[in-house]
Amino acid sequence: MFSPQRSMGQYSTPPETVDYMVDRLLKHLDPHSKRTKILDPATGDGIFIRSLLEAGVPPSSLYGLDIDPEIPPP
């Protein structure tokens, strides 16, 4: 079946994968440093950004972009 999201190459990342990636990322940087900036270049439903916020990363350190204009910024 045709899906507009799939036609743009959009696929949801499984939560287990997000948890693993966020855990690994936070082991290698100080999320509270003012120099820390994290970009999610394919934000989609915002699962990475939400997970980072839940892990205590300040919103001012997070940036998200998406190709789909219908998806609001996280």
N, C-alpha and C. Protein backbone atom coordinates (compact mmCIF):
# COMPACT_ATOMS: atom_id res chain seq x y z
N MET A 1 0.84 -1.17 0.00
CA MET A 1 0.00 0.00 0.00
C MET A 1 0.89 1.24 0.00
N PHE A 2 0.45 2.29 -0.69
CA PHE A 2 1.20 3.54 -0.79
C PHE A 2 1.10 4.32 0.51
N SER A 3 2.20 4.80 0.98
CA SER A 3 2.23 5.63 2.19
C SER A 3 3.07 6.86 1.88
N PRO A 4 2.50 8.07 2.10
CA PRO A 4 3.29 9.28 1.84
C PRO A 4 4.60 9.30 2.63
N GLN A 5 4.57 8.80 3.87
CA GLN A 5 5.78 8.79 4.68
C GLN A 5 6.83 7.86 4.07
N ARG A 6 6.41 6.70 3.63
CA ARG A 6 7.36 5.75 3.04
C ARG A 6 7.92 6.29 1.73
N SER A 7 7.11 7.05 0.98
CA SER A 7 7.60 7.59 -0.29
C SER A 7 8.71 8.60 -0.06
N MET A 8 8.76 9.22 1.12
CA MET A 8 9.83 10.15 1.46
C MET A 8 10.96 9.45 2.19
N GLY A 9 10.87 8.13 2.33
CA GLY A 9 11.91 7.38 3.02
C GLY A 9 11.82 7.46 4.53
N GLN A 10 10.63 7.73 5.05
CA GLN A 10 10.46 7.85 6.50
C GLN A 10 10.12 6.50 7.12
N TYR A 11 10.88 6.17 8.13
CA TYR A 11 10.65 4.94 8.88
C TYR A 11 10.84 5.27 10.36
N SER A 12 9.98 4.74 11.19
CA SER A 12 10.10 4.97 12.63
C SER A 12 11.22 4.12 13.21
N THR A 13 12.00 4.73 14.10
CA THR A 13 13.07 4.00 14.78
C THR A 13 12.47 3.28 15.98
N PRO A 14 12.76 2.00 16.15
CA PRO A 14 12.23 1.28 17.31
C PRO A 14 12.73 1.90 18.62
N PRO A 15 11.87 1.97 19.63
CA PRO A 15 12.26 2.58 20.91
C PRO A 15 13.52 1.96 21.52
N GLU A 16 13.70 0.66 21.35
CA GLU A 16 14.90 0.01 21.91
C GLU A 16 16.17 0.55 21.26
N THR A 17 16.10 0.83 19.98
CA THR A 17 17.25 1.39 19.26
C THR A 17 17.53 2.81 19.74
N VAL A 18 16.47 3.59 19.92
CA VAL A 18 16.63 4.96 20.43
C VAL A 18 17.27 4.93 21.81
N ASP A 19 16.76 4.08 22.69
CA ASP A 19 17.32 3.99 24.05
C ASP A 19 18.81 3.65 24.01
N TYR A 20 19.18 2.70 23.17
CA TYR A 20 20.58 2.31 23.04
C TYR A 20 21.43 3.48 22.54
N MET A 21 20.96 4.15 21.50
CA MET A 21 21.74 5.24 20.91
C MET A 21 21.88 6.42 21.87
N VAL A 22 20.80 6.76 22.57
CA VAL A 22 20.86 7.86 23.53
C VAL A 22 21.81 7.50 24.67
N ASP A 23 21.73 6.28 25.16
CA ASP A 23 22.63 5.83 26.22
C ASP A 23 24.09 5.94 25.79
N ARG A 24 24.39 5.48 24.59
CA ARG A 24 25.77 5.55 24.08
C ARG A 24 26.22 7.00 23.90
N LEU A 25 25.36 7.83 23.37
CA LEU A 25 25.69 9.24 23.15
C LEU A 25 26.02 9.93 24.47
N LEU A 26 25.19 9.71 25.48
CA LEU A 26 25.37 10.40 26.75
C LEU A 26 26.59 9.91 27.52
N LYS A 27 27.15 8.77 27.14
CA LYS A 27 28.39 8.30 27.75
C LYS A 27 29.60 9.06 27.21
N HIS A 28 29.42 9.76 26.09
CA HIS A 28 30.55 10.41 25.42
C HIS A 28 30.49 11.93 25.43
N LEU A 29 29.51 12.51 26.10
CA LEU A 29 29.46 13.96 26.16
C LEU A 29 28.78 14.42 27.43
N ASP A 30 29.00 15.68 27.76
CA ASP A 30 28.35 16.28 28.93
C ASP A 30 27.11 17.01 28.43
N PRO A 31 25.93 16.46 28.67
CA PRO A 31 24.72 17.08 28.14
C PRO A 31 24.42 18.44 28.76
N HIS A 32 25.07 18.78 29.87
CA HIS A 32 24.80 20.05 30.53
C HIS A 32 25.79 21.14 30.16
N SER A 33 26.78 20.80 29.34
CA SER A 33 27.72 21.80 28.86
C SER A 33 27.01 22.73 27.88
N LYS A 34 27.29 24.02 28.00
CA LYS A 34 26.67 24.98 27.08
C LYS A 34 27.18 24.79 25.65
N ARG A 35 28.29 24.08 25.51
CA ARG A 35 28.85 23.84 24.17
C ARG A 35 28.20 22.64 23.49
N THR A 36 27.48 21.82 24.24
CA THR A 36 26.86 20.62 23.67
C THR A 36 25.68 21.02 22.80
N LYS A 37 25.70 20.57 21.56
CA LYS A 37 24.60 20.77 20.62
C LYS A 37 24.36 19.43 19.94
N ILE A 38 23.11 19.00 19.89
CA ILE A 38 22.75 17.73 19.28
C ILE A 38 21.73 17.99 18.19
N LEU A 39 22.02 17.51 16.99
CA LEU A 39 21.13 17.68 15.85
C LEU A 39 20.53 16.35 15.46
N ASP A 40 19.21 16.33 15.32
CA ASP A 40 18.52 15.17 14.74
C ASP A 40 18.07 15.62 13.35
N PRO A 41 18.80 15.23 12.29
CA PRO A 41 18.50 15.72 10.94
C PRO A 41 17.31 15.04 10.28
N ALA A 42 16.72 14.09 10.94
CA ALA A 42 15.54 13.39 10.40
C ALA A 42 14.58 13.14 11.57
N THR A 43 14.06 14.22 12.12
CA THR A 43 13.32 14.19 13.37
C THR A 43 12.10 13.28 13.37
N GLY A 44 11.36 13.28 12.27
CA GLY A 44 10.17 12.43 12.21
C GLY A 44 9.24 12.69 13.38
N ASP A 45 8.91 11.65 14.13
CA ASP A 45 7.98 11.82 15.25
C ASP A 45 8.65 12.37 16.51
N GLY A 46 9.94 12.64 16.45
CA GLY A 46 10.64 13.27 17.57
C GLY A 46 11.08 12.33 18.66
N ILE A 47 11.11 11.03 18.38
CA ILE A 47 11.44 10.06 19.42
C ILE A 47 12.85 10.26 20.00
N PHE A 48 13.82 10.62 19.17
CA PHE A 48 15.17 10.85 19.69
C PHE A 48 15.20 12.08 20.60
N ILE A 49 14.59 13.16 20.14
CA ILE A 49 14.60 14.39 20.93
C ILE A 49 13.83 14.20 22.24
N ARG A 50 12.70 13.53 22.19
CA ARG A 50 11.95 13.26 23.42
C ARG A 50 12.77 12.42 24.39
N SER A 51 13.45 11.43 23.88
CA SER A 51 14.28 10.57 24.72
C SER A 51 15.44 11.36 25.35
N LEU A 52 16.04 12.23 24.57
CA LEU A 52 17.12 13.06 25.10
C LEU A 52 16.61 14.02 26.17
N LEU A 53 15.44 14.60 25.96
CA LEU A 53 14.84 15.47 26.97
C LEU A 53 14.56 14.69 28.26
N GLU A 54 14.02 13.49 28.12
CA GLU A 54 13.74 12.64 29.28
C GLU A 54 15.02 12.27 30.02
N ALA A 55 16.13 12.21 29.29
CA ALA A 55 17.43 11.89 29.91
C ALA A 55 18.06 13.11 30.57
N GLY A 56 17.42 14.27 30.46
CA GLY A 56 17.91 15.46 31.12
C GLY A 56 18.69 16.43 30.26
N VAL A 57 18.74 16.20 28.95
CA VAL A 57 19.44 17.13 28.07
C VAL A 57 18.57 18.40 27.96
N PRO A 58 19.15 19.58 28.17
CA PRO A 58 18.37 20.81 28.09
C PRO A 58 17.84 21.05 26.67
N PRO A 59 16.62 21.55 26.55
CA PRO A 59 16.05 21.83 25.22
C PRO A 59 16.92 22.75 24.37
N SER A 60 17.65 23.66 25.01
CA SER A 60 18.49 24.60 24.26
C SER A 60 19.66 23.91 23.56
N SER A 61 19.92 22.65 23.89
CA SER A 61 21.01 21.89 23.26
C SER A 61 20.53 21.04 22.09
N LEU A 62 19.23 21.01 21.85
CA LEU A 62 18.67 20.09 20.86
C LEU A 62 18.11 20.83 19.65
N TYR A 63 18.37 20.26 18.48
CA TYR A 63 17.88 20.81 17.22
C TYR A 63 17.33 19.67 16.38
N GLY A 64 16.20 19.90 15.76
CA GLY A 64 15.61 18.87 14.92
C GLY A 64 15.11 19.43 13.61
N LEU A 65 15.29 18.67 12.55
CA LEU A 65 14.83 19.03 11.20
C LEU A 65 14.14 17.82 10.59
N ASP A 66 13.23 18.07 9.67
CA ASP A 66 12.61 16.96 8.96
C ASP A 66 12.22 17.42 7.56
N ILE A 67 12.21 16.48 6.63
CA ILE A 67 11.88 16.75 5.24
C ILE A 67 10.38 16.98 5.05
N ASP A 68 9.56 16.42 5.94
CA ASP A 68 8.11 16.47 5.81
C ASP A 68 7.58 17.74 6.46
N PRO A 69 7.03 18.68 5.67
CA PRO A 69 6.53 19.93 6.25
C PRO A 69 5.29 19.73 7.13
N GLU A 70 4.68 18.56 7.06
CA GLU A 70 3.49 18.28 7.87
C GLU A 70 3.85 17.92 9.31
N ILE A 71 5.10 17.60 9.55
CA ILE A 71 5.53 17.21 10.89
C ILE A 71 5.95 18.47 11.64
N PRO A 72 5.27 18.78 12.76
CA PRO A 72 5.66 19.96 13.52
C PRO A 72 6.98 19.72 14.24
N PRO A 73 7.73 20.78 14.52
CA PRO A 73 8.97 20.59 15.25
C PRO A 73 8.69 20.05 16.65
N PRO A 74 9.60 19.23 17.18
CA PRO A 74 9.40 18.68 18.53
C PRO A 74 9.53 19.74 19.60
